Amino acid sequence: MHKKPANLIIRHEDEAVKERSACGHRYRLISEGDKDVAAWAHAVDIDGAKLHYHKICTELYYVLEGEGKVVLDGEEQDVRPGTMVHIPPGVVHGAVGRMKVLVVGIPDIDDSDVYYLED
């Protein structure tokens, strides 16, 4: 007998909450408020991203559109559609350029785990 999983979520970007973030604007596809999720996923329209880091969260960036650079601990790396970036906790990161990125964070998002560098 096949048992249906308890928490299936299907959400379209145009139905997701859109809000300002450190990187531009994000659409909360799977995020805080969703029950029993192991990770969060946001579609992010990046237009320059403030340097920040997380003490707990690991982030995965997958570039969908556009191009630019990600800054990882002070080093710029070119990115374009199809690029995957793994950002472990403690790595100071940001972005330069305009691009659309799928950002997945593990564990689930916690805004108290975002630390900005002083300007």
C-alpha atoms as a PDB file:
ATOM      1  CA  MET A   1       0.000   0.000   0.000  1.00  0.00           C
ATOM      2  CA  HIS A   2       1.352   3.448  -0.994  1.00  0.00           C
ATOM      3  CA  LYS A   3       1.031   6.072   1.710  1.00  0.00           C
ATOM      4  CA  LYS A   4       0.864   9.735   0.632  1.00  0.00           C
ATOM      5  CA  PRO A   5       3.554  11.962   2.263  1.00  0.00           C
ATOM      6  CA  ALA A   6       2.119  14.243   4.931  1.00  0.00           C
ATOM      7  CA  ASN A   7       3.396  17.575   3.610  1.00  0.00           C
ATOM      8  CA  LEU A   8       3.381  18.157  -0.124  1.00  0.00           C
ATOM      9  CA  ILE A   9       3.913  21.777  -1.204  1.00  0.00           C
ATOM     10  CA  ILE A  10       3.422  23.113  -4.711  1.00  0.00           C
ATOM     11  CA  ARG A  11       3.868  26.859  -5.021  1.00  0.00           C
ATOM     12  CA  HIS A  12       4.238  28.989  -8.129  1.00  0.00           C
ATOM     13  CA  GLU A  13       6.613  31.951  -8.046  1.00  0.00           C
ATOM     14  CA  ASP A  14       3.846  34.406  -8.959  1.00  0.00           C
ATOM     15  CA  GLU A  15       1.888  33.188  -5.899  1.00  0.00           C
ATOM     16  CA  ALA A  16       4.819  33.340  -3.468  1.00  0.00           C
ATOM     17  CA  VAL A  17       5.480  36.182  -1.053  1.00  0.00           C
ATOM     18  CA  LYS A  18       7.848  38.733  -2.670  1.00  0.00           C
ATOM     19  CA  GLU A  19       9.990  40.841  -0.372  1.00  0.00           C
ATOM     20  CA  ARG A  20      13.203  42.835  -0.219  1.00  0.00           C
ATOM     21  CA  SER A  21      16.246  40.866   0.909  1.00  0.00           C
ATOM     22  CA  ALA A  22      19.987  41.370   1.342  1.00  0.00           C
ATOM     23  CA  CYS A  23      20.451  40.381  -2.294  1.00  0.00           C
ATOM     24  CA  GLY A  24      17.568  42.152  -4.055  1.00  0.00           C
ATOM     25  CA  HIS A  25      14.057  40.695  -4.071  1.00  0.00           C
ATOM     26  CA  ARG A  26      13.161  37.164  -3.082  1.00  0.00           C
ATOM     27  CA  TYR A  27      10.128  34.981  -3.674  1.00  0.00           C
ATOM     28  CA  ARG A  28       9.597  32.590  -0.768  1.00  0.00           C
ATOM     29  CA  LEU A  29       8.878  29.331  -2.611  1.00  0.00           C
ATOM     30  CA  ILE A  30       9.455  27.105   0.434  1.00  0.00           C
ATOM     31  CA  SER A  31      10.167  29.064   3.565  1.00  0.00           C
ATOM     32  CA  GLU A  32       9.393  29.968   7.141  1.00  0.00           C
ATOM     33  CA  GLY A  33       5.773  29.287   7.854  1.00  0.00           C
ATOM     34  CA  ASP A  34       5.786  26.061   5.838  1.00  0.00           C
ATOM     35  CA  LYS A  35       5.490  23.119   8.198  1.00  0.00           C
ATOM     36  CA  ASP A  36       7.856  20.162   8.305  1.00  0.00           C
ATOM     37  CA  VAL A  37      10.360  21.309   5.672  1.00  0.00           C
ATOM     38  CA  ALA A  38      14.047  20.419   5.940  1.00  0.00           C
ATOM     39  CA  ALA A  39      15.264  23.300   3.776  1.00  0.00           C
ATOM     40  CA  TRP A  40      14.034  26.559   2.295  1.00  0.00           C
ATOM     41  CA  ALA A  41      14.066  27.651  -1.358  1.00  0.00           C
ATOM     42  CA  HIS A  42      13.772  31.166  -2.720  1.00  0.00           C
ATOM     43  CA  ALA A  43      13.866  32.519  -6.245  1.00  0.00           C
ATOM     44  CA  VAL A  44      15.990  35.668  -5.891  1.00  0.00           C
ATOM     45  CA  ASP A  45      16.322  38.561  -8.308  1.00  0.00           C
ATOM     46  CA  ILE A  46      19.847  39.672  -7.411  1.00  0.00           C
ATOM     47  CA  ASP A  47      20.863  43.234  -8.131  1.00  0.00           C
ATOM     48  CA  GLY A  48      23.996  43.491  -6.023  1.00  0.00           C
ATOM     49  CA  ALA A  49      24.019  41.671  -2.700  1.00  0.00           C
ATOM     50  CA  LYS A  50      25.287  43.013   0.622  1.00  0.00           C
ATOM     51  CA  LEU A  51      28.157  41.043   2.108  1.00  0.00           C
ATOM     52  CA  HIS A  52      26.904  38.748   4.840  1.00  0.00           C
ATOM     53  CA  TYR A  53      27.370  35.299   6.337  1.00  0.00           C
ATOM     54  CA  HIS A  54      25.473  32.670   8.299  1.00  0.00           C
ATOM     55  CA  LYS A  55      26.685  30.805  11.369  1.00  0.00           C
ATOM     56  CA  ILE A  56      24.316  27.851  10.899  1.00  0.00           C
ATOM     57  CA  CYS A  57      22.878  27.807   7.381  1.00  0.00           C
ATOM     58  CA  THR A  58      24.498  26.316   4.299  1.00  0.00           C
ATOM     59  CA  GLU A  59      23.304  27.924   1.055  1.00  0.00           C
ATOM     60  CA  LEU A  60      23.253  26.606  -2.488  1.00  0.00           C
ATOM     61  CA  TYR A  61      22.962  29.168  -5.308  1.00  0.00           C
ATOM     62  CA  TYR A  62      21.903  27.942  -8.750  1.00  0.00           C
ATOM     63  CA  VAL A  63      22.008  30.664 -11.409  1.00  0.00           C
ATOM     64  CA  LEU A  64      18.912  30.590 -13.618  1.00  0.00           C
ATOM     65  CA  GLU A  65      19.296  33.830 -15.636  1.00  0.00           C
ATOM     66  CA  GLY A  66      21.790  36.654 -16.060  1.00  0.00           C
ATOM     67  CA  GLU A  67      25.419  36.708 -15.103  1.00  0.00           C
ATOM     68  CA  GLY A  68      27.806  38.342 -12.723  1.00  0.00           C
ATOM     69  CA  LYS A  69      30.074  37.416  -9.887  1.00  0.00           C
ATOM     70  CA  VAL A  70      29.659  35.921  -6.458  1.00  0.00           C
ATOM     71  CA  VAL A  71      32.026  37.143  -3.786  1.00  0.00           C
ATOM     72  CA  LEU A  72      33.196  34.358  -1.469  1.00  0.00           C
ATOM     73  CA  ASP A  73      35.476  35.387   1.401  1.00  0.00           C
ATOM     74  CA  GLY A  74      36.709  38.357  -0.649  1.00  0.00           C
ATOM     75  CA  GLU A  75      37.315  36.492  -3.915  1.00  0.00           C
ATOM     76  CA  GLU A  76      35.105  37.116  -6.959  1.00  0.00           C
ATOM     77  CA  GLN A  77      33.990  34.130  -9.022  1.00  0.00           C
ATOM     78  CA  ASP A  78      32.213  34.401 -12.387  1.00  0.00           C
ATOM     79  CA  VAL A  79      28.744  32.876 -12.575  1.00  0.00           C
ATOM     80  CA  ARG A  80      26.278  32.377 -15.441  1.00  0.00           C
ATOM     81  CA  PRO A  81      23.151  30.279 -16.066  1.00  0.00           C
ATOM     82  CA  GLY A  82      23.810  26.721 -14.954  1.00  0.00           C
ATOM     83  CA  THR A  83      26.370  27.644 -12.281  1.00  0.00           C
ATOM     84  CA  MET A  84      25.950  26.023  -8.833  1.00  0.00           C
ATOM     85  CA  VAL A  85      27.655  27.596  -5.806  1.00  0.00           C
ATOM     86  CA  HIS A  86      27.945  25.861  -2.413  1.00  0.00           C
ATOM     87  CA  ILE A  87      28.322  28.351   0.483  1.00  0.00           C
ATOM     88  CA  PRO A  88      29.060  26.742   3.854  1.00  0.00           C
ATOM     89  CA  PRO A  89      28.394  28.467   7.187  1.00  0.00           C
ATOM     90  CA  GLY A  90      30.904  31.213   8.010  1.00  0.00           C
ATOM     91  CA  VAL A  91      31.756  32.127   4.406  1.00  0.00           C
ATOM     92  CA  VAL A  92      31.232  35.844   3.798  1.00  0.00           C
ATOM     93  CA  HIS A  93      29.330  36.153   0.538  1.00  0.00           C
ATOM     94  CA  GLY A  94      27.562  38.569  -1.763  1.00  0.00           C
ATOM     95  CA  ALA A  95      27.047  39.129  -5.476  1.00  0.00           C
ATOM     96  CA  VAL A  96      27.785  41.651  -8.202  1.00  0.00           C
ATOM     97  CA  GLY A  97      25.584  41.955 -11.277  1.00  0.00           C
ATOM     98  CA  ARG A  98      21.994  41.209 -12.155  1.00  0.00           C
ATOM     99  CA  MET A  99      20.808  37.631 -12.143  1.00  0.00           C
ATOM    100  CA  LYS A 100      17.999  35.334 -11.081  1.00  0.00           C
ATOM    101  CA  VAL A 101      19.137  32.628  -8.692  1.00  0.00           C
ATOM    102  CA  LEU A 102      17.448  29.716  -6.971  1.00  0.00           C
ATOM    103  CA  VAL A 103      18.769  29.817  -3.399  1.00  0.00           C
ATOM    104  CA  VAL A 104      18.321  26.748  -1.205  1.00  0.00           C
ATOM    105  CA  GLY A 105      19.235  26.946   2.466  1.00  0.00           C
ATOM    106  CA  ILE A 106      19.709  24.109   4.908  1.00  0.00           C
ATOM    107  CA  PRO A 107      18.350  24.109   7.576  1.00  0.00           C
ATOM    108  CA  ASP A 108      15.163  26.139   7.208  1.00  0.00           C
ATOM    109  CA  ILE A 109      15.574  29.931   7.090  1.00  0.00           C
ATOM    110  CA  ASP A 110      16.097  31.892  10.258  1.00  0.00           C
ATOM    111  CA  ASP A 111      16.546  35.638   9.776  1.00  0.00           C
ATOM    112  CA  SER A 112      18.492  35.759  13.057  1.00  0.00           C
ATOM    113  CA  ASP A 113      21.258  33.779  11.272  1.00  0.00           C
ATOM    114  CA  VAL A 114      22.136  36.628   8.848  1.00  0.00           C
ATOM    115  CA  TYR A 115      25.165  38.675   9.872  1.00  0.00           C
ATOM    116  CA  TYR A 116      26.120  41.738   7.818  1.00  0.00           C
ATOM    117  CA  LEU A 117      29.618  43.150   7.552  1.00  0.00           C
ATOM    118  CA  GLU A 118      30.018  46.737   8.604  1.00  0.00           C
ATOM    119  CA  ASP A 119      30.357  49.188   5.704  1.00  0.00           C
END
